[in-house]
Amino acid sequence: MEMAQYFNLACRFEYKMALHIMTAGTGPEEWLTPYFGPLDESTFYKWSNPEIWDMVTKQSFILDEKKRIPYVKELQRKINDDASHIFLYTQDRFGARRPYVHFKPYMLDFQPIFAEFIWMEKH
């Protein structure tokens, strides 16, 4: 399918099944709300489970890390049990470069590929 045609359908959520890339967030909020939050806040799946919407909202207000971690783990189990989607294997990304080529790494998995964060020493 041509890219413009794909985005025309995807942005209107006119599909029965799709393969989307999930980015890695540095905290649960960056991942849970866009994918599984209430429809007015969710931007990716437009998937409907009010029980999980409530949990997504509640986890963002738990400030005690010792309480939030088990709650988010329980939320992840509910998401998996609901089977709104299937997680596919993603390999670790790696690269090889000369010792004089450097890059500024980021926690998010896609950012190091941007050339503006790569530089070379004189050699």
PDB file of N, CA and C in Angstrom:
ATOM      1  N   MET A   1       0.851  -1.173   0.000  1.00  0.00           N
ATOM      2  CA  MET A   1       0.000   0.000   0.000  1.00  0.00           C
ATOM      3  C   MET A   1       0.899   1.239   0.000  1.00  0.00           C
ATOM      4  N   GLU A   2       0.563   2.195  -0.830  1.00  0.00           N
ATOM      5  CA  GLU A   2       1.308   3.449  -0.871  1.00  0.00           C
ATOM      6  C   GLU A   2       1.205   4.149   0.487  1.00  0.00           C
ATOM      7  N   MET A   3       2.289   4.811   0.904  1.00  0.00           N
ATOM      8  CA  MET A   3       2.364   5.424   2.232  1.00  0.00           C
ATOM      9  C   MET A   3       1.229   6.433   2.467  1.00  0.00           C
ATOM     10  N   ALA A   4       0.936   7.275   1.496  1.00  0.00           N
ATOM     11  CA  ALA A   4      -0.136   8.271   1.673  1.00  0.00           C
ATOM     12  C   ALA A   4      -1.482   7.573   1.886  1.00  0.00           C
ATOM     13  N   GLN A   5      -1.721   6.510   1.159  1.00  0.00           N
ATOM     14  CA  GLN A   5      -2.970   5.760   1.312  1.00  0.00           C
ATOM     15  C   GLN A   5      -3.023   5.103   2.701  1.00  0.00           C
ATOM     16  N   TYR A   6      -1.885   4.554   3.142  1.00  0.00           N
ATOM     17  CA  TYR A   6      -1.820   3.942   4.468  1.00  0.00           C
ATOM     18  C   TYR A   6      -2.179   4.957   5.557  1.00  0.00           C
ATOM     19  N   PHE A   7      -1.531   6.124   5.530  1.00  0.00           N
ATOM     20  CA  PHE A   7      -1.797   7.124   6.563  1.00  0.00           C
ATOM     21  C   PHE A   7      -3.221   7.655   6.484  1.00  0.00           C
ATOM     22  N   ASN A   8      -3.772   7.741   5.296  1.00  0.00           N
ATOM     23  CA  ASN A   8      -5.155   8.176   5.144  1.00  0.00           C
ATOM     24  C   ASN A   8      -6.092   7.225   5.892  1.00  0.00           C
ATOM     25  N   LEU A   9      -5.853   5.936   5.799  1.00  0.00           N
ATOM     26  CA  LEU A   9      -6.683   4.963   6.513  1.00  0.00           C
ATOM     27  C   LEU A   9      -6.324   4.891   7.995  1.00  0.00           C
ATOM     28  N   ALA A  10      -5.033   4.886   8.292  1.00  0.00           N
ATOM     29  CA  ALA A  10      -4.592   4.719   9.683  1.00  0.00           C
ATOM     30  C   ALA A  10      -5.048   5.883  10.561  1.00  0.00           C
ATOM     31  N   CYS A  11      -4.958   7.092  10.063  1.00  0.00           N
ATOM     32  CA  CYS A  11      -5.344   8.262  10.874  1.00  0.00           C
ATOM     33  C   CYS A  11      -6.841   8.347  11.111  1.00  0.00           C
ATOM     34  N   ARG A  12      -7.621   7.655  10.291  1.00  0.00           N
ATOM     35  CA  ARG A  12      -9.067   7.591  10.515  1.00  0.00           C
ATOM     36  C   ARG A  12      -9.461   6.298  11.222  1.00  0.00           C
ATOM     37  N   PHE A  13      -8.458   5.461  11.560  1.00  0.00           N
ATOM     38  CA  PHE A  13      -8.664   4.181  12.242  1.00  0.00           C
ATOM     39  C   PHE A  13      -9.590   3.272  11.436  1.00  0.00           C
ATOM     40  N   GLU A  14      -9.405   3.270  10.130  1.00  0.00           N
ATOM     41  CA  GLU A  14     -10.227   2.420   9.254  1.00  0.00           C
ATOM     42  C   GLU A  14      -9.440   1.170   8.873  1.00  0.00           C
ATOM     43  N   TYR A  15      -9.275   0.271   9.832  1.00  0.00           N
ATOM     44  CA  TYR A  15      -8.606  -0.997   9.582  1.00  0.00           C
ATOM     45  C   TYR A  15      -9.065  -1.999  10.622  1.00  0.00           C
ATOM     46  N   LYS A  16      -8.956  -3.272  10.280  1.00  0.00           N
ATOM     47  CA  LYS A  16      -9.326  -4.329  11.212  1.00  0.00           C
ATOM     48  C   LYS A  16      -8.108  -4.847  11.964  1.00  0.00           C
ATOM     49  N   MET A  17      -6.950  -4.734  11.327  1.00  0.00           N
ATOM     50  CA  MET A  17      -5.725  -5.178  11.967  1.00  0.00           C
ATOM     51  C   MET A  17      -4.578  -4.342  11.410  1.00  0.00           C
ATOM     52  N   ALA A  18      -3.593  -4.041  12.249  1.00  0.00           N
ATOM     53  CA  ALA A  18      -2.456  -3.252  11.800  1.00  0.00           C
ATOM     54  C   ALA A  18      -1.220  -3.625  12.593  1.00  0.00           C
ATOM     55  N   LEU A  19      -0.067  -3.343  12.023  1.00  0.00           N
ATOM     56  CA  LEU A  19       1.201  -3.521  12.703  1.00  0.00           C
ATOM     57  C   LEU A  19       1.784  -2.139  12.914  1.00  0.00           C
ATOM     58  N   HIS A  20       1.921  -1.753  14.171  1.00  0.00           N
ATOM     59  CA  HIS A  20       2.441  -0.432  14.507  1.00  0.00           C
ATOM     60  C   HIS A  20       3.707  -0.596  15.339  1.00  0.00           C
ATOM     61  N   ILE A  21       4.606   0.347  15.230  1.00  0.00           N
ATOM     62  CA  ILE A  21       5.819   0.353  16.035  1.00  0.00           C
ATOM     63  C   ILE A  21       5.515   1.088  17.332  1.00  0.00           C
ATOM     64  N   MET A  22       5.871   0.482  18.447  1.00  0.00           N
ATOM     65  CA  MET A  22       5.717   1.140  19.744  1.00  0.00           C
ATOM     66  C   MET A  22       7.058   1.728  20.140  1.00  0.00           C
ATOM     67  N   THR A  23       7.071   2.960  20.536  1.00  0.00           N
ATOM     68  CA  THR A  23       8.307   3.561  21.008  1.00  0.00           C
ATOM     69  C   THR A  23       8.489   3.251  22.482  1.00  0.00           C
ATOM     70  N   ALA A  24       9.704   3.322  22.939  1.00  0.00           N
ATOM     71  CA  ALA A  24      10.002   3.039  24.335  1.00  0.00           C
ATOM     72  C   ALA A  24       9.944   4.334  25.129  1.00  0.00           C
ATOM     73  N   GLY A  25       9.102   4.382  26.119  1.00  0.00           N
ATOM     74  CA  GLY A  25       9.016   5.549  26.975  1.00  0.00           C
ATOM     75  C   GLY A  25       9.939   5.409  28.167  1.00  0.00           C
ATOM     76  N   THR A  26      10.307   6.509  28.754  1.00  0.00           N
ATOM     77  CA  THR A  26      11.171   6.460  29.927  1.00  0.00           C
ATOM     78  C   THR A  26      10.387   6.279  31.215  1.00  0.00           C
ATOM     79  N   GLY A  27       9.086   6.381  31.159  1.00  0.00           N
ATOM     80  CA  GLY A  27       8.233   6.169  32.326  1.00  0.00           C
ATOM     81  C   GLY A  27       6.910   5.577  31.872  1.00  0.00           C
ATOM     82  N   PRO A  28       6.151   4.968  32.777  1.00  0.00           N
ATOM     83  CA  PRO A  28       4.905   4.313  32.373  1.00  0.00           C
ATOM     84  C   PRO A  28       3.891   5.259  31.735  1.00  0.00           C
ATOM     85  N   GLU A  29       3.865   6.511  32.163  1.00  0.00           N
ATOM     86  CA  GLU A  29       2.884   7.464  31.634  1.00  0.00           C
ATOM     87  C   GLU A  29       3.048   7.665  30.123  1.00  0.00           C
ATOM     88  N   GLU A  30       4.300   7.702  29.664  1.00  0.00           N
ATOM     89  CA  GLU A  30       4.572   7.934  28.243  1.00  0.00           C
ATOM     90  C   GLU A  30       4.099   6.781  27.364  1.00  0.00           C
ATOM     91  N   TRP A  31       3.914   5.641  27.956  1.00  0.00           N
ATOM     92  CA  TRP A  31       3.513   4.462  27.201  1.00  0.00           C
ATOM     93  C   TRP A  31       2.042   4.122  27.405  1.00  0.00           C
ATOM     94  N   LEU A  32       1.574   4.227  28.638  1.00  0.00           N
ATOM     95  CA  LEU A  32       0.209   3.786  28.941  1.00  0.00           C
ATOM     96  C   LEU A  32      -0.874   4.705  28.381  1.00  0.00           C
ATOM     97  N   THR A  33      -0.763   6.002  28.608  1.00  0.00           N
ATOM     98  CA  THR A  33      -1.835   6.909  28.180  1.00  0.00           C
ATOM     99  C   THR A  33      -2.015   6.949  26.668  1.00  0.00           C
ATOM    100  N   PRO A  34      -0.949   7.122  25.870  1.00  0.00           N
ATOM    101  CA  PRO A  34      -1.165   7.199  24.420  1.00  0.00           C
ATOM    102  C   PRO A  34      -1.724   5.916  23.811  1.00  0.00           C
ATOM    103  N   TYR A  35      -1.369   4.764  24.380  1.00  0.00           N
ATOM    104  CA  TYR A  35      -1.818   3.502  23.796  1.00  0.00           C
ATOM    105  C   TYR A  35      -3.103   2.973  24.420  1.00  0.00           C
ATOM    106  N   PHE A  36      -3.267   3.126  25.726  1.00  0.00           N
ATOM    107  CA  PHE A  36      -4.367   2.449  26.425  1.00  0.00           C
ATOM    108  C   PHE A  36      -5.241   3.372  27.259  1.00  0.00           C
ATOM    109  N   GLY A  37      -5.022   4.665  27.202  1.00  0.00           N
ATOM    110  CA  GLY A  37      -5.793   5.607  28.005  1.00  0.00           C
ATOM    111  C   GLY A  37      -7.191   5.835  27.455  1.00  0.00           C
ATOM    112  N   PRO A  38      -7.979   6.655  28.156  1.00  0.00           N
ATOM    113  CA  PRO A  38      -9.328   6.994  27.687  1.00  0.00           C
ATOM    114  C   PRO A  38      -9.281   7.566  26.266  1.00  0.00           C
ATOM    115  N   LEU A  39     -10.328   7.344  25.521  1.00  0.00           N
ATOM    116  CA  LEU A  39     -10.332   7.729  24.103  1.00  0.00           C
ATOM    117  C   LEU A  39     -10.010   9.199  23.861  1.00  0.00           C
ATOM    118  N   ASP A  40     -10.402  10.082  24.767  1.00  0.00           N
ATOM    119  CA  ASP A  40     -10.116  11.505  24.540  1.00  0.00           C
ATOM    120  C   ASP A  40      -8.639  11.840  24.744  1.00  0.00           C
ATOM    121  N   GLU A  41      -7.867  10.924  25.353  1.00  0.00           N
ATOM    122  CA  GLU A  41      -6.436  11.143  25.561  1.00  0.00           C
ATOM    123  C   GLU A  41      -5.576  10.203  24.720  1.00  0.00           C
ATOM    124  N   SER A  42      -6.124   9.069  24.346  1.00  0.00           N
ATOM    125  CA  SER A  42      -5.386   8.064  23.586  1.00  0.00           C
ATOM    126  C   SER A  42      -5.245   8.511  22.137  1.00  0.00           C
ATOM    127  N   THR A  43      -4.062   8.326  21.584  1.00  0.00           N
ATOM    128  CA  THR A  43      -3.838   8.766  20.209  1.00  0.00           C
ATOM    129  C   THR A  43      -3.525   7.633  19.248  1.00  0.00           C
ATOM    130  N   PHE A  44      -3.277   6.419  19.753  1.00  0.00           N
ATOM    131  CA  PHE A  44      -2.807   5.376  18.861  1.00  0.00           C
ATOM    132  C   PHE A  44      -3.830   4.282  18.570  1.00  0.00           C
ATOM    133  N   TYR A  45      -4.337   3.594  19.584  1.00  0.00           N
ATOM    134  CA  TYR A  45      -5.157   2.411  19.328  1.00  0.00           C
ATOM    135  C   TYR A  45      -6.659   2.674  19.263  1.00  0.00           C
ATOM    136  N   LYS A  46      -7.148   3.656  19.984  1.00  0.00           N
ATOM    137  CA  LYS A  46      -8.598   3.895  20.062  1.00  0.00           C
ATOM    138  C   LYS A  46      -9.322   2.609  20.478  1.00  0.00           C
ATOM    139  N   TRP A  47      -8.751   1.950  21.443  1.00  0.00           N
ATOM    140  CA  TRP A  47      -9.244   0.683  21.939  1.00  0.00           C
ATOM    141  C   TRP A  47     -10.023   0.941  23.209  1.00  0.00           C
ATOM    142  N   SER A  48     -11.034   0.158  23.467  1.00  0.00           N
ATOM    143  CA  SER A  48     -11.995   0.513  24.500  1.00  0.00           C
ATOM    144  C   SER A  48     -12.078  -0.525  25.622  1.00  0.00           C
ATOM    145  N   ASN A  49     -11.616  -0.129  26.804  1.00  0.00           N
ATOM    146  CA  ASN A  49     -11.840  -0.913  28.010  1.00  0.00           C
ATOM    147  C   ASN A  49     -11.857   0.061  29.185  1.00  0.00           C
ATOM    148  N   PRO A  50     -13.038   0.502  29.624  1.00  0.00           N
ATOM    149  CA  PRO A  50     -13.137   1.499  30.696  1.00  0.00           C
ATOM    150  C   PRO A  50     -12.436   1.110  31.994  1.00  0.00           C
ATOM    151  N   GLU A  51     -12.395  -0.192  32.322  1.00  0.00           N
ATOM    152  CA  GLU A  51     -11.688  -0.616  33.541  1.00  0.00           C
ATOM    153  C   GLU A  51     -10.198  -0.272  33.434  1.00  0.00           C
ATOM    154  N   ILE A  52      -9.607  -0.531  32.290  1.00  0.00           N
ATOM    155  CA  ILE A  52      -8.190  -0.223  32.101  1.00  0.00           C
ATOM    156  C   ILE A  52      -7.982   1.280  31.974  1.00  0.00           C
ATOM    157  N   TRP A  53      -8.913   1.982  31.346  1.00  0.00           N
ATOM    158  CA  TRP A  53      -8.809   3.457  31.294  1.00  0.00           C
ATOM    159  C   TRP A  53      -8.695   4.016  32.714  1.00  0.00           C
ATOM    160  N   ASP A  54      -9.552   3.513  33.624  1.00  0.00           N
ATOM    161  CA  ASP A  54      -9.524   3.993  35.008  1.00  0.00           C
ATOM    162  C   ASP A  54      -8.180   3.705  35.667  1.00  0.00           C
ATOM    163  N   MET A  55      -7.628   2.515  35.407  1.00  0.00           N
ATOM    164  CA  MET A  55      -6.331   2.156  35.985  1.00  0.00           C
ATOM    165  C   MET A  55      -5.212   3.035  35.419  1.00  0.00           C
ATOM    166  N   VAL A  56      -5.269   3.313  34.121  1.00  0.00           N
ATOM    167  CA  VAL A  56      -4.256   4.178  33.496  1.00  0.00           C
ATOM    168  C   VAL A  56      -4.290   5.561  34.148  1.00  0.00           C
ATOM    169  N   THR A  57      -5.486   6.083  34.337  1.00  0.00           N
ATOM    170  CA  THR A  57      -5.627   7.394  34.972  1.00  0.00           C
ATOM    171  C   THR A  57      -5.133   7.353  36.418  1.00  0.00           C
ATOM    172  N   LYS A  58      -5.521   6.318  37.154  1.00  0.00           N
ATOM    173  CA  LYS A  58      -5.144   6.223  38.573  1.00  0.00           C
ATOM    174  C   LYS A  58      -3.631   6.116  38.749  1.00  0.00           C
ATOM    175  N   GLN A  59      -2.955   5.348  37.899  1.00  0.00           N
ATOM    176  CA  GLN A  59      -1.514   5.157  38.083  1.00  0.00           C
ATOM    177  C   GLN A  59      -0.747   6.461  37.967  1.00  0.00           C
ATOM    178  N   SER A  60      -1.272   7.409  37.201  1.00  0.00           N
ATOM    179  CA  SER A  60      -0.559   8.676  37.029  1.00  0.00           C
ATOM    180  C   SER A  60      -0.598   9.546  38.286  1.00  0.00           C
ATOM    181  N   PHE A  61      -1.464   9.210  39.236  1.00  0.00           N
ATOM    182  CA  PHE A  61      -1.564   9.974  40.481  1.00  0.00           C
ATOM    183  C   PHE A  61      -0.861   9.294  41.662  1.00  0.00           C
ATOM    184  N   ILE A  62      -0.323   8.104  41.442  1.00  0.00           N
ATOM    185  CA  ILE A  62       0.392   7.401  42.513  1.00  0.00           C
ATOM    186  C   ILE A  62       1.832   7.896  42.518  1.00  0.00           C
ATOM    187  N   LEU A  63       2.197   8.660  43.508  1.00  0.00           N
ATOM    188  CA  LEU A  63       3.526   9.266  43.562  1.00  0.00           C
ATOM    189  C   LEU A  63       4.556   8.395  44.279  1.00  0.00           C
ATOM    190  N   ASP A  64       4.109   7.517  45.150  1.00  0.00           N
ATOM    191  CA  ASP A  64       5.013   6.627  45.875  1.00  0.00           C
ATOM    192  C   ASP A  64       5.434   5.494  44.941  1.00  0.00           C
ATOM    193  N   GLU A  65       6.724   5.467  44.583  1.00  0.00           N
ATOM    194  CA  GLU A  65       7.229   4.489  43.619  1.00  0.00           C
ATOM    195  C   GLU A  65       6.995   3.051  44.079  1.00  0.00           C
ATOM    196  N   LYS A  66       7.108   2.797  45.392  1.00  0.00           N
ATOM    197  CA  LYS A  66       6.904   1.441  45.912  1.00  0.00           C
ATOM    198  C   LYS A  66       5.461   0.974  45.747  1.00  0.00           C
ATOM    199  N   LYS A  67       4.530   1.913  45.692  1.00  0.00           N
ATOM    200  CA  LYS A  67       3.126   1.564  45.457  1.00  0.00           C
ATOM    201  C   LYS A  67       2.810   1.555  43.957  1.00  0.00           C
ATOM    202  N   ARG A  68       3.459   2.433  43.217  1.00  0.00           N
ATOM    203  CA  ARG A  68       3.147   2.561  41.789  1.00  0.00           C
ATOM    204  C   ARG A  68       3.644   1.366  40.974  1.00  0.00           C
ATOM    205  N   ILE A  69       4.836   0.876  41.277  1.00  0.00           N
ATOM    206  CA  ILE A  69       5.405  -0.234  40.496  1.00  0.00           C
ATOM    207  C   ILE A  69       4.488  -1.451  40.493  1.00  0.00           C
ATOM    208  N   PRO A  70       4.033  -1.956  41.662  1.00  0.00           N
ATOM    209  CA  PRO A  70       3.135  -3.127  41.597  1.00  0.00           C
ATOM    210  C   PRO A  70       1.798  -2.811  40.912  1.00  0.00           C
ATOM    211  N   TYR A  71       1.331  -1.578  41.044  1.00  0.00           N
ATOM    212  CA  TYR A  71       0.067  -1.211  40.395  1.00  0.00           C
ATOM    213  C   TYR A  71       0.224  -1.222  38.869  1.00  0.00           C
ATOM    214  N   VAL A  72       1.332  -0.677  38.381  1.00  0.00           N
ATOM    215  CA  VAL A  72       1.576  -0.655  36.934  1.00  0.00           C
ATOM    216  C   VAL A  72       1.777  -2.085  36.415  1.00  0.00           C
ATOM    217  N   LYS A  73       2.429  -2.932  37.192  1.00  0.00           N
ATOM    218  CA  LYS A  73       2.589  -4.335  36.777  1.00  0.00           C
ATOM    219  C   LYS A  73       1.232  -5.033  36.666  1.00  0.00           C
ATOM    220  N   GLU A  74       0.354  -4.767  37.624  1.00  0.00           N
ATOM    221  CA  GLU A  74      -1.001  -5.335  37.552  1.00  0.00           C
ATOM    222  C   GLU A  74      -1.738  -4.799  36.322  1.00  0.00           C
ATOM    223  N   LEU A  75      -1.575  -3.526  36.035  1.00  0.00           N
ATOM    224  CA  LEU A  75      -2.184  -2.917  34.851  1.00  0.00           C
ATOM    225  C   LEU A  75      -1.660  -3.576  33.585  1.00  0.00           C
ATOM    226  N   GLN A  76      -0.358  -3.837  33.522  1.00  0.00           N
ATOM    227  CA  GLN A  76       0.219  -4.515  32.355  1.00  0.00           C
ATOM    228  C   GLN A  76      -0.377  -5.908  32.186  1.00  0.00           C
ATOM    229  N   ARG A  77      -0.573  -6.639  33.299  1.00  0.00           N
ATOM    230  CA  ARG A  77      -1.184  -7.970  33.209  1.00  0.00           C
ATOM    231  C   ARG A  77      -2.611  -7.874  32.654  1.00  0.00           C
ATOM    232  N   LYS A  78      -3.362  -6.871  33.112  1.00  0.00           N
ATOM    233  CA  LYS A  78      -4.736  -6.698  32.609  1.00  0.00           C
ATOM    234  C   LYS A  78      -4.734  -6.380  31.112  1.00  0.00           C
ATOM    235  N   ILE A  79      -3.794  -5.555  30.678  1.00  0.00           N
ATOM    236  CA  ILE A  79      -3.689  -5.230  29.247  1.00  0.00           C
ATOM    237  C   ILE A  79      -3.390  -6.497  28.449  1.00  0.00           C
ATOM    238  N   ASN A  80      -2.448  -7.310  28.929  1.00  0.00           N
ATOM    239  CA  ASN A  80      -2.128  -8.560  28.234  1.00  0.00           C
ATOM    240  C   ASN A  80      -3.308  -9.516  28.235  1.00  0.00           C
ATOM    241  N   ASP A  81      -4.005  -9.644  29.367  1.00  0.00           N
ATOM    242  CA  ASP A  81      -5.164 -10.533  29.452  1.00  0.00           C
ATOM    243  C   ASP A  81      -6.289 -10.084  28.528  1.00  0.00           C
ATOM    244  N   ASP A  82      -6.442  -8.779  28.366  1.00  0.00           N
ATOM    245  CA  ASP A  82      -7.495  -8.245  27.502  1.00  0.00           C
ATOM    246  C   ASP A  82      -7.187  -8.510  26.030  1.00  0.00           C
ATOM    247  N   ALA A  83      -5.934  -8.745  25.713  1.00  0.00           N
ATOM    248  CA  ALA A  83      -5.486  -9.080  24.359  1.00  0.00           C
ATOM    249  C   ALA A  83      -5.932  -8.064  23.322  1.00  0.00           C
ATOM    250  N   SER A  84      -5.766  -6.790  23.663  1.00  0.00           N
ATOM    251  CA  SER A  84      -6.100  -5.751  22.689  1.00  0.00           C
ATOM    252  C   SER A  84      -5.110  -5.764  21.532  1.00  0.00           C
ATOM    253  N   HIS A  85      -3.948  -6.303  21.798  1.00  0.00           N
ATOM    254  CA  HIS A  85      -2.916  -6.417  20.769  1.00  0.00           C
ATOM    255  C   HIS A  85      -1.931  -7.491  21.203  1.00  0.00           C
ATOM    256  N   ILE A  86      -1.069  -7.878  20.296  1.00  0.00           N
ATOM    257  CA  ILE A  86      -0.061  -8.894  20.582  1.00  0.00           C
ATOM    258  C   ILE A  86       1.306  -8.237  20.472  1.00  0.00           C
ATOM    259  N   PHE A  87       2.123  -8.373  21.519  1.00  0.00           N
ATOM    260  CA  PHE A  87       3.476  -7.840  21.464  1.00  0.00           C
ATOM    261  C   PHE A  87       4.333  -8.769  20.620  1.00  0.00           C
ATOM    262  N   LEU A  88       5.051  -8.215  19.653  1.00  0.00           N
ATOM    263  CA  LEU A  88       5.949  -8.993  18.827  1.00  0.00           C
ATOM    264  C   LEU A  88       7.380  -8.781  19.295  1.00  0.00           C
ATOM    265  N   TYR A  89       8.230  -9.690  18.951  1.00  0.00           N
ATOM    266  CA  TYR A  89       9.640  -9.607  19.312  1.00  0.00           C
ATOM    267  C   TYR A  89      10.293  -8.420  18.617  1.00  0.00           C
ATOM    268  N   THR A  90      11.114  -7.691  19.337  1.00  0.00           N
ATOM    269  CA  THR A  90      11.915  -6.615  18.765  1.00  0.00           C
ATOM    270  C   THR A  90      13.352  -6.855  19.184  1.00  0.00           C
ATOM    271  N   GLN A  91      14.235  -6.959  18.224  1.00  0.00           N
ATOM    272  CA  GLN A  91      15.630  -7.205  18.581  1.00  0.00           C
ATOM    273  C   GLN A  91      16.282  -5.950  19.130  1.00  0.00           C
ATOM    274  N   ASP A  92      17.330  -6.153  19.928  1.00  0.00           N
ATOM    275  CA  ASP A  92      18.112  -5.010  20.386  1.00  0.00           C
ATOM    276  C   ASP A  92      18.796  -4.383  19.191  1.00  0.00           C
ATOM    277  N   ARG A  93      18.865  -3.084  19.195  1.00  0.00           N
ATOM    278  CA  ARG A  93      19.529  -2.387  18.095  1.00  0.00           C
ATOM    279  C   ARG A  93      21.004  -2.231  18.429  1.00  0.00           C
ATOM    280  N   PHE A  94      21.830  -2.398  17.439  1.00  0.00           N
ATOM    281  CA  PHE A  94      23.260  -2.281  17.654  1.00  0.00           C
ATOM    282  C   PHE A  94      23.893  -1.645  16.429  1.00  0.00           C
ATOM    283  N   GLY A  95      25.120  -1.204  16.579  1.00  0.00           N
ATOM    284  CA  GLY A  95      25.820  -0.597  15.463  1.00  0.00           C
ATOM    285  C   GLY A  95      27.316  -0.697  15.676  1.00  0.00           C
ATOM    286  N   ALA A  96      28.056  -0.534  14.618  1.00  0.00           N
ATOM    287  CA  ALA A  96      29.514  -0.541  14.688  1.00  0.00           C
ATOM    288  C   ALA A  96      30.009   0.772  14.096  1.00  0.00           C
ATOM    289  N   ARG A  97      31.037   1.329  14.715  1.00  0.00           N
ATOM    290  CA  ARG A  97      31.597   2.577  14.208  1.00  0.00           C
ATOM    291  C   ARG A  97      33.066   2.650  14.571  1.00  0.00           C
ATOM    292  N   ARG A  98      33.781   3.487  13.866  1.00  0.00           N
ATOM    293  CA  ARG A  98      35.197   3.713  14.145  1.00  0.00           C
ATOM    294  C   ARG A  98      35.339   4.421  15.495  1.00  0.00           C
ATOM    295  N   PRO A  99      36.501   4.299  16.154  1.00  0.00           N
ATOM    296  CA  PRO A  99      36.675   4.914  17.476  1.00  0.00           C
ATOM    297  C   PRO A  99      36.549   6.435  17.473  1.00  0.00           C
ATOM    298  N   TYR A 100      36.754   7.078  16.328  1.00  0.00           N
ATOM    299  CA  TYR A 100      36.669   8.541  16.282  1.00  0.00           C
ATOM    300  C   TYR A 100      35.274   9.043  15.946  1.00  0.00           C
ATOM    301  N   VAL A 101      34.319   8.133  15.753  1.00  0.00           N
ATOM    302  CA  VAL A 101      32.928   8.513  15.503  1.00  0.00           C
ATOM    303  C   VAL A 101      32.165   8.356  16.818  1.00  0.00           C
ATOM    304  N   HIS A 102      31.484   9.399  17.221  1.00  0.00           N
ATOM    305  CA  HIS A 102      30.774   9.403  18.504  1.00  0.00           C
ATOM    306  C   HIS A 102      29.295   9.739  18.289  1.00  0.00           C
ATOM    307  N   PHE A 103      28.488   9.343  19.242  1.00  0.00           N
ATOM    308  CA  PHE A 103      27.088   9.756  19.222  1.00  0.00           C
ATOM    309  C   PHE A 103      26.608   9.949  20.643  1.00  0.00           C
ATOM    310  N   LYS A 104      25.596  10.766  20.791  1.00  0.00           N
ATOM    311  CA  LYS A 104      25.009  11.043  22.099  1.00  0.00           C
ATOM    312  C   LYS A 104      23.829  10.097  22.290  1.00  0.00           C
ATOM    313  N   PRO A 105      23.963   9.109  23.174  1.00  0.00           N
ATOM    314  CA  PRO A 105      22.855   8.153  23.340  1.00  0.00           C
ATOM    315  C   PRO A 105      21.705   8.730  24.162  1.00  0.00           C
ATOM    316  N   TYR A 106      20.516   8.248  23.875  1.00  0.00           N
ATOM    317  CA  TYR A 106      19.310   8.629  24.609  1.00  0.00           C
ATOM    318  C   TYR A 106      18.614   7.369  25.091  1.00  0.00           C
ATOM    319  N   MET A 107      17.768   7.516  26.074  1.00  0.00           N
ATOM    320  CA  MET A 107      17.048   6.354  26.587  1.00  0.00           C
ATOM    321  C   MET A 107      16.021   5.835  25.587  1.00  0.00           C
ATOM    322  N   LEU A 108      15.440   6.711  24.799  1.00  0.00           N
ATOM    323  CA  LEU A 108      14.445   6.261  23.836  1.00  0.00           C
ATOM    324  C   LEU A 108      15.147   5.566  22.682  1.00  0.00           C
ATOM    325  N   ASP A 109      14.587   4.488  22.216  1.00  0.00           N
ATOM    326  CA  ASP A 109      15.297   3.626  21.279  1.00  0.00           C
ATOM    327  C   ASP A 109      15.519   4.202  19.891  1.00  0.00           C
ATOM    328  N   PHE A 110      14.750   5.168  19.449  1.00  0.00           N
ATOM    329  CA  PHE A 110      14.866   5.650  18.080  1.00  0.00           C
ATOM    330  C   PHE A 110      15.760   6.874  17.930  1.00  0.00           C
ATOM    331  N   GLN A 111      16.080   7.572  18.998  1.00  0.00           N
ATOM    332  CA  GLN A 111      16.748   8.857  18.874  1.00  0.00           C
ATOM    333  C   GLN A 111      18.195   8.809  18.401  1.00  0.00           C
ATOM    334  N   PRO A 112      19.020   7.804  18.739  1.00  0.00           N
ATOM    335  CA  PRO A 112      20.415   7.856  18.296  1.00  0.00           C
ATOM    336  C   PRO A 112      20.600   7.814  16.784  1.00  0.00           C
ATOM    337  N   ILE A 113      19.574   7.491  16.023  1.00  0.00           N
ATOM    338  CA  ILE A 113      19.756   7.409  14.573  1.00  0.00           C
ATOM    339  C   ILE A 113      19.794   8.780  13.914  1.00  0.00           C
ATOM    340  N   PHE A 114      19.410   9.824  14.611  1.00  0.00           N
ATOM    341  CA  PHE A 114      19.413  11.149  14.015  1.00  0.00           C
ATOM    342  C   PHE A 114      20.842  11.649  13.864  1.00  0.00           C
ATOM    343  N   ALA A 115      21.223  12.047  12.660  1.00  0.00           N
ATOM    344  CA  ALA A 115      22.594  12.429  12.357  1.00  0.00           C
ATOM    345  C   ALA A 115      23.053  13.643  13.159  1.00  0.00           C
ATOM    346  N   GLU A 116      22.157  14.490  13.592  1.00  0.00           N
ATOM    347  CA  GLU A 116      22.574  15.680  14.338  1.00  0.00           C
ATOM    348  C   GLU A 116      23.202  15.322  15.680  1.00  0.00           C
ATOM    349  N   PHE A 117      23.050  14.093  16.139  1.00  0.00           N
ATOM    350  CA  PHE A 117      23.626  13.666  17.407  1.00  0.00           C
ATOM    351  C   PHE A 117      24.885  12.816  17.206  1.00  0.00           C
ATOM    352  N   ILE A 118      25.434  12.815  15.992  1.00  0.00           N
ATOM    353  CA  ILE A 118      26.630  12.047  15.670  1.00  0.00           C
ATOM    354  C   ILE A 118      27.712  13.011  15.224  1.00  0.00           C
ATOM    355  N   TRP A 119      28.934  12.797  15.709  1.00  0.00           N
ATOM    356  CA  TRP A 119      30.044  13.652  15.297  1.00  0.00           C
ATOM    357  C   TRP A 119      31.336  12.844  15.216  1.00  0.00           C
ATOM    358  N   MET A 120      32.320  13.399  14.492  1.00  0.00           N
ATOM    359  CA  MET A 120      33.616  12.746  14.346  1.00  0.00           C
ATOM    360  C   MET A 120      34.723  13.655  14.853  1.00  0.00           C
ATOM    361  N   GLU A 121      35.686  13.038  15.520  1.00  0.00           N
ATOM    362  CA  GLU A 121      36.898  13.756  15.885  1.00  0.00           C
ATOM    363  C   GLU A 121      37.779  13.844  14.644  1.00  0.00           C
ATOM    364  N   LYS A 122      38.705  14.772  14.649  1.00  0.00           N
ATOM    365  CA  LYS A 122      39.683  14.805  13.562  1.00  0.00           C
ATOM    366  C   LYS A 122      40.533  13.549  13.656  1.00  0.00           C
ATOM    367  N   HIS A 123      40.876  13.022  12.496  1.00  0.00           N
ATOM    368  CA  HIS A 123      41.725  11.819  12.495  1.00  0.00           C
ATOM    369  C   HIS A 123      42.734  11.869  11.375  1.00  0.00           C
TER     370      HIS A 123
END
